[in-house]
Protein backbone atom coordinates (compact mmCIF):
# COMPACT_ATOMS: atom_id res chain seq x y z
CA UNK A 1 79.03 89.14 112.69
CA UNK A 2 76.62 87.19 110.73
CA UNK A 3 77.25 84.67 107.80
CA UNK A 4 76.03 87.37 105.58
CA UNK A 5 78.76 89.53 106.62
CA UNK A 6 81.63 87.36 106.84
CA UNK A 7 80.88 86.47 102.99
CA UNK A 8 80.87 90.10 101.82
CA UNK A 9 84.26 90.23 103.81
CA UNK A 10 85.98 88.25 102.18
CA UNK A 11 84.40 89.26 98.97
CA UNK A 12 85.37 92.52 99.57
CA UNK A 13 88.78 91.68 100.69
CA UNK A 14 89.21 90.14 96.93
CA UNK A 15 88.02 92.99 95.14
CA UNK A 16 89.77 95.42 97.33
CA UNK A 17 93.15 94.61 96.29
CA UNK A 18 93.53 95.92 92.86
CA UNK A 19 96.65 95.19 90.95
CA UNK A 20 99.32 92.18 90.85
CA UNK A 21 102.86 92.38 89.46
CA UNK A 22 105.73 89.74 88.82
CA UNK A 23 109.13 90.89 88.32
CA UNK A 24 112.51 89.12 86.94
CA UNK A 25 114.76 89.93 89.95
CA UNK A 26 113.16 90.09 93.45
CA UNK A 27 113.60 93.43 94.52
CA UNK A 28 114.67 95.51 91.42
CA UNK A 29 113.48 98.29 90.53
CA UNK A 30 110.13 98.46 88.66
CA UNK A 31 108.73 101.24 86.15
CA UNK A 32 105.97 101.81 84.20
CA UNK A 33 104.23 98.64 85.19
CA UNK A 34 101.37 97.51 82.98
CA UNK A 35 101.04 93.83 82.97
CA UNK A 36 101.98 91.25 85.87
CA UNK A 37 101.31 90.19 89.58
CA UNK A 38 101.07 92.03 92.85
CA UNK A 39 101.55 89.55 96.09
CA UNK A 40 99.91 91.50 98.91
CA UNK A 41 100.37 90.44 102.67
CA UNK A 42 96.90 90.79 104.26
CA UNK A 43 96.57 90.86 108.33
CA UNK A 44 93.44 91.69 110.59
CA UNK A 45 95.00 93.68 113.49
CA UNK A 46 91.61 93.50 115.41
CA UNK A 47 90.60 90.02 114.89
CA UNK A 48 90.95 87.23 117.44
CA UNK A 49 94.12 85.23 115.77
CA UNK A 50 92.99 82.20 116.82
CA UNK A 51 89.09 82.85 115.51
CA UNK A 52 87.37 80.93 112.97
CA UNK A 53 87.38 83.92 110.67
CA UNK A 54 90.97 84.46 110.63
CA UNK A 55 91.31 80.34 109.86
CA UNK A 56 89.73 81.07 106.70
CA UNK A 57 90.47 84.07 105.38
CA UNK A 58 93.81 84.45 103.49
CA UNK A 59 97.19 85.55 104.76
CA UNK A 60 98.32 86.66 101.14
CA UNK A 61 96.33 87.34 97.83
CA UNK A 62 97.68 87.58 94.41
CA UNK A 63 96.31 90.06 92.00
CA UNK A 64 96.54 89.53 88.46
CA UNK A 65 96.69 92.31 86.21
CA UNK A 66 96.36 93.40 82.08
CA UNK A 67 95.80 97.03 81.61
CA UNK A 68 92.15 97.58 82.52
CA UNK A 69 91.66 94.15 83.75
CA UNK A 70 92.11 92.29 86.96
CA UNK A 71 91.63 89.35 88.85
CA UNK A 72 92.05 88.92 92.24
CA UNK A 73 91.89 85.20 93.76
CA UNK A 74 92.27 83.31 96.96
CA UNK A 75 91.38 79.60 98.12
CA UNK A 76 91.07 78.22 101.84
CA UNK A 77 93.95 76.22 103.29
CA UNK A 78 92.03 72.87 102.34
CA UNK A 79 90.98 73.90 98.99
CA UNK A 80 87.33 73.69 99.91
CA UNK A 81 86.49 77.43 98.94
CA UNK A 82 88.08 79.12 95.72
CA UNK A 83 86.93 82.56 95.14
CA UNK A 84 87.97 85.20 92.30
CA UNK A 85 86.92 88.89 91.27
CA UNK A 86 87.55 89.77 87.72
CA UNK A 87 87.29 93.53 87.32
CA UNK A 88 87.24 95.52 84.11
CA UNK A 89 88.01 99.83 84.15
CA UNK A 90 86.84 99.94 80.49
CA UNK A 91 83.70 98.43 81.15
CA UNK A 92 83.00 99.11 84.65
CA UNK A 93 82.06 95.68 85.21
CA UNK A 94 82.86 93.19 87.89
CA UNK A 95 82.72 89.11 88.08
CA UNK A 96 82.51 87.31 91.22
CA UNK A 97 82.87 83.64 91.26
CA UNK A 98 83.01 80.70 93.91
CA UNK A 99 83.68 77.20 94.10
CA UNK A 100 82.63 75.52 97.06
CA UNK A 101 81.84 71.74 97.08
CA UNK A 102 82.21 71.11 93.72
CA UNK A 103 79.71 73.49 92.62
CA UNK A 104 80.72 76.84 90.42
CA UNK A 105 78.85 79.57 90.09
CA UNK A 106 79.46 83.25 89.08
CA UNK A 107 77.70 86.94 89.29
CA UNK A 108 77.98 89.78 87.11
CA UNK A 109 77.65 93.03 88.04
CA UNK A 110 77.73 96.39 86.17
CA UNK A 111 78.87 99.76 87.49
CA UNK A 112 74.97 100.37 88.46
CA UNK A 113 74.76 97.39 91.13
CA UNK A 114 78.17 97.85 92.56
CA UNK A 115 78.30 99.22 95.90
CA UNK A 116 82.02 101.10 96.43
CA UNK A 117 83.88 98.99 98.70
CA UNK A 118 84.35 100.89 101.93
CA UNK A 119 81.77 103.35 101.07
CA UNK A 120 81.40 103.82 104.63
CA UNK A 121 84.56 105.87 104.69
CA UNK A 122 83.01 108.46 101.97
CA UNK A 123 84.20 112.13 102.94
CA UNK A 124 87.64 111.45 103.47
CA UNK A 125 90.42 114.17 103.02
CA UNK A 126 94.15 113.31 101.77
CA UNK A 127 97.26 115.02 103.32
CA UNK A 128 100.44 114.34 101.62
CA UNK A 129 103.42 113.68 104.44
CA UNK A 130 106.08 114.48 102.10
CA UNK A 131 107.61 111.31 103.28
CA UNK A 132 108.97 108.52 100.36
CA UNK A 133 109.82 105.08 100.62
CA UNK A 134 110.82 102.34 98.69
CA UNK A 135 108.06 99.01 98.71
CA UNK A 136 109.08 95.69 96.76
CA UNK A 137 110.76 97.61 94.24
CA UNK A 138 108.44 100.64 93.62
CA UNK A 139 108.51 104.34 94.53
CA UNK A 140 105.89 105.41 96.97
CA UNK A 141 104.61 108.23 98.80
CA UNK A 142 102.63 108.31 102.12
CA UNK A 143 99.58 110.04 102.91
CA UNK A 144 97.53 110.96 105.74
CA UNK A 145 93.80 109.79 105.32
CA UNK A 146 91.87 111.48 107.82
CA UNK A 147 88.31 109.97 107.78
CA UNK A 148 84.90 111.43 108.80
CA UNK A 149 83.96 110.38 112.61
CA UNK A 150 87.21 109.05 113.39
CA UNK A 151 89.58 110.75 115.83
CA UNK A 152 92.50 109.07 114.11
CA UNK A 153 94.00 109.68 110.68
CA UNK A 154 94.51 106.55 108.65
CA UNK A 155 98.15 106.01 106.59
CA UNK A 156 98.30 105.04 102.94
CA UNK A 157 101.24 104.41 100.75
CA UNK A 158 100.97 104.91 96.63
CA UNK A 159 103.04 104.75 93.86
CA UNK A 160 103.22 106.35 90.43
CA UNK A 161 105.54 103.47 88.91
CA UNK A 162 102.32 101.86 87.30
CA UNK A 163 100.50 102.71 83.86
CA UNK A 164 97.00 101.20 85.27
CA UNK A 165 93.40 102.94 84.15
CA UNK A 166 91.17 104.19 87.22
CA UNK A 167 93.28 101.57 89.22
CA UNK A 168 90.67 102.13 92.45
CA UNK A 169 87.37 102.73 90.41
CA UNK A 170 84.95 100.01 92.55
CA UNK A 171 86.39 101.38 95.67
CA UNK A 172 85.66 104.70 98.01
CA UNK A 173 89.22 105.27 96.95
CA UNK A 174 88.36 106.23 93.27
CA UNK A 175 89.68 109.58 93.40
CA UNK A 176 92.94 108.52 94.05
CA UNK A 177 94.76 107.97 90.36
CA UNK A 178 97.53 105.94 91.79
CA UNK A 179 97.89 102.50 92.97
CA UNK A 180 97.80 101.57 96.53
CA UNK A 181 100.89 99.64 97.62
CA UNK A 182 99.90 99.77 101.48
CA UNK A 183 96.96 100.68 103.21
CA UNK A 184 94.18 100.14 106.03
CA UNK A 185 90.41 99.60 105.28
CA UNK A 186 87.63 99.29 107.55
CA UNK A 187 84.60 96.46 106.50
CA UNK A 188 82.09 95.78 108.67
CA UNK A 189 83.91 97.28 111.73
CA UNK A 190 86.84 94.82 111.01
CA UNK A 191 90.56 96.66 110.16
CA UNK A 192 92.47 94.97 107.64
CA UNK A 193 95.89 96.08 106.76
CA UNK A 194 97.21 95.22 103.07
CA UNK A 195 100.99 95.78 102.09
CA UNK A 196 102.58 94.53 98.63
CA UNK A 197 105.32 91.87 99.08
CA UNK A 198 106.07 91.26 95.97
CA UNK A 199 105.74 92.90 92.63
CA UNK A 200 106.76 91.03 89.16
CA UNK A 201 105.79 92.66 85.98
CA UNK A 202 104.81 89.33 83.61
CA UNK A 203 102.64 88.44 80.57
CA UNK A 204 99.38 87.33 81.51
CA UNK A 205 97.36 85.64 79.43
CA UNK A 206 93.54 87.00 78.20
CA UNK A 207 91.90 83.88 79.61
CA UNK A 208 92.79 84.63 83.04
CA UNK A 209 90.45 87.34 82.83
CA UNK A 210 87.47 84.97 81.85
CA UNK A 211 85.37 82.43 84.14
CA UNK A 212 85.70 78.54 83.90
CA UNK A 213 83.31 77.21 81.50
CA UNK A 214 81.80 75.31 84.32
CA UNK A 215 80.58 78.42 85.60
CA UNK A 216 77.08 78.70 85.97
CA UNK A 217 75.63 82.57 85.87
CA UNK A 218 73.04 83.26 88.82
CA UNK A 219 70.94 86.46 89.49
CA UNK A 220 72.50 87.80 92.51
CA UNK A 221 69.81 86.84 94.85
CA UNK A 222 70.33 83.28 93.82
CA UNK A 223 74.36 83.85 94.15
CA UNK A 224 73.70 85.05 97.66
CA UNK A 225 71.51 82.39 98.55
CA UNK A 226 74.06 79.90 97.50
CA UNK A 227 77.03 81.44 99.26
CA UNK A 228 74.99 82.00 102.49
CA UNK A 229 73.37 78.73 102.32
CA UNK A 230 77.12 76.65 102.21
CA UNK A 231 79.40 79.26 104.00
CA UNK A 232 78.30 78.10 107.11
CA UNK A 233 79.08 74.54 106.55
CA UNK A 234 82.71 75.97 105.46
CA UNK A 235 83.05 77.55 108.86
CA UNK A 236 81.78 75.50 111.20
CA UNK A 237 84.49 72.71 110.12
């Protein structure tokens, strides 16, 4: 896997996880979620657990949400790298930010610039298995996902306990109107598994969805050049 692919994978993980939640009582039932935080556990079933990439990628991601806006953020264990993705379903915009070795840069894209996350899985078919469950205080339904060119079906668990507009608009699952609670996605031939561990409704300040004032906005080629030129240093440590 090339350095560029490793970077795209990390940004894809951020922008693939859409929601956040916070609850007054852990495990309490949650209905009509509109604002808060969802904490997802992330695992990589096909990666070497001792490999460099696994050491860099997060084991847990929190996603903050308020109406049509979401912010996903993670940092490496040493804190040298911090990445955020801010999405707005109303304006169909996405802002990616990176803070690395004291530099902070941002890239803003609109719907014409965004390549749907997981687009290689386009053409999938959905079958409702009829199975129901509860995960992190919300009701979920299990779906079988038949992907083109794949012998085995994927599985997904979705919830209607949320009032979130177009939660999956920037992914290949844009036609699924429910929040994804547990699911797999393959990107650059790497299997990633997401499962909501905690959903906590709480007020979220509007400032969460604005990049730091110190961020310098770059054009896409400049942003990619900065990341690709520095990420190898981080991964080699």
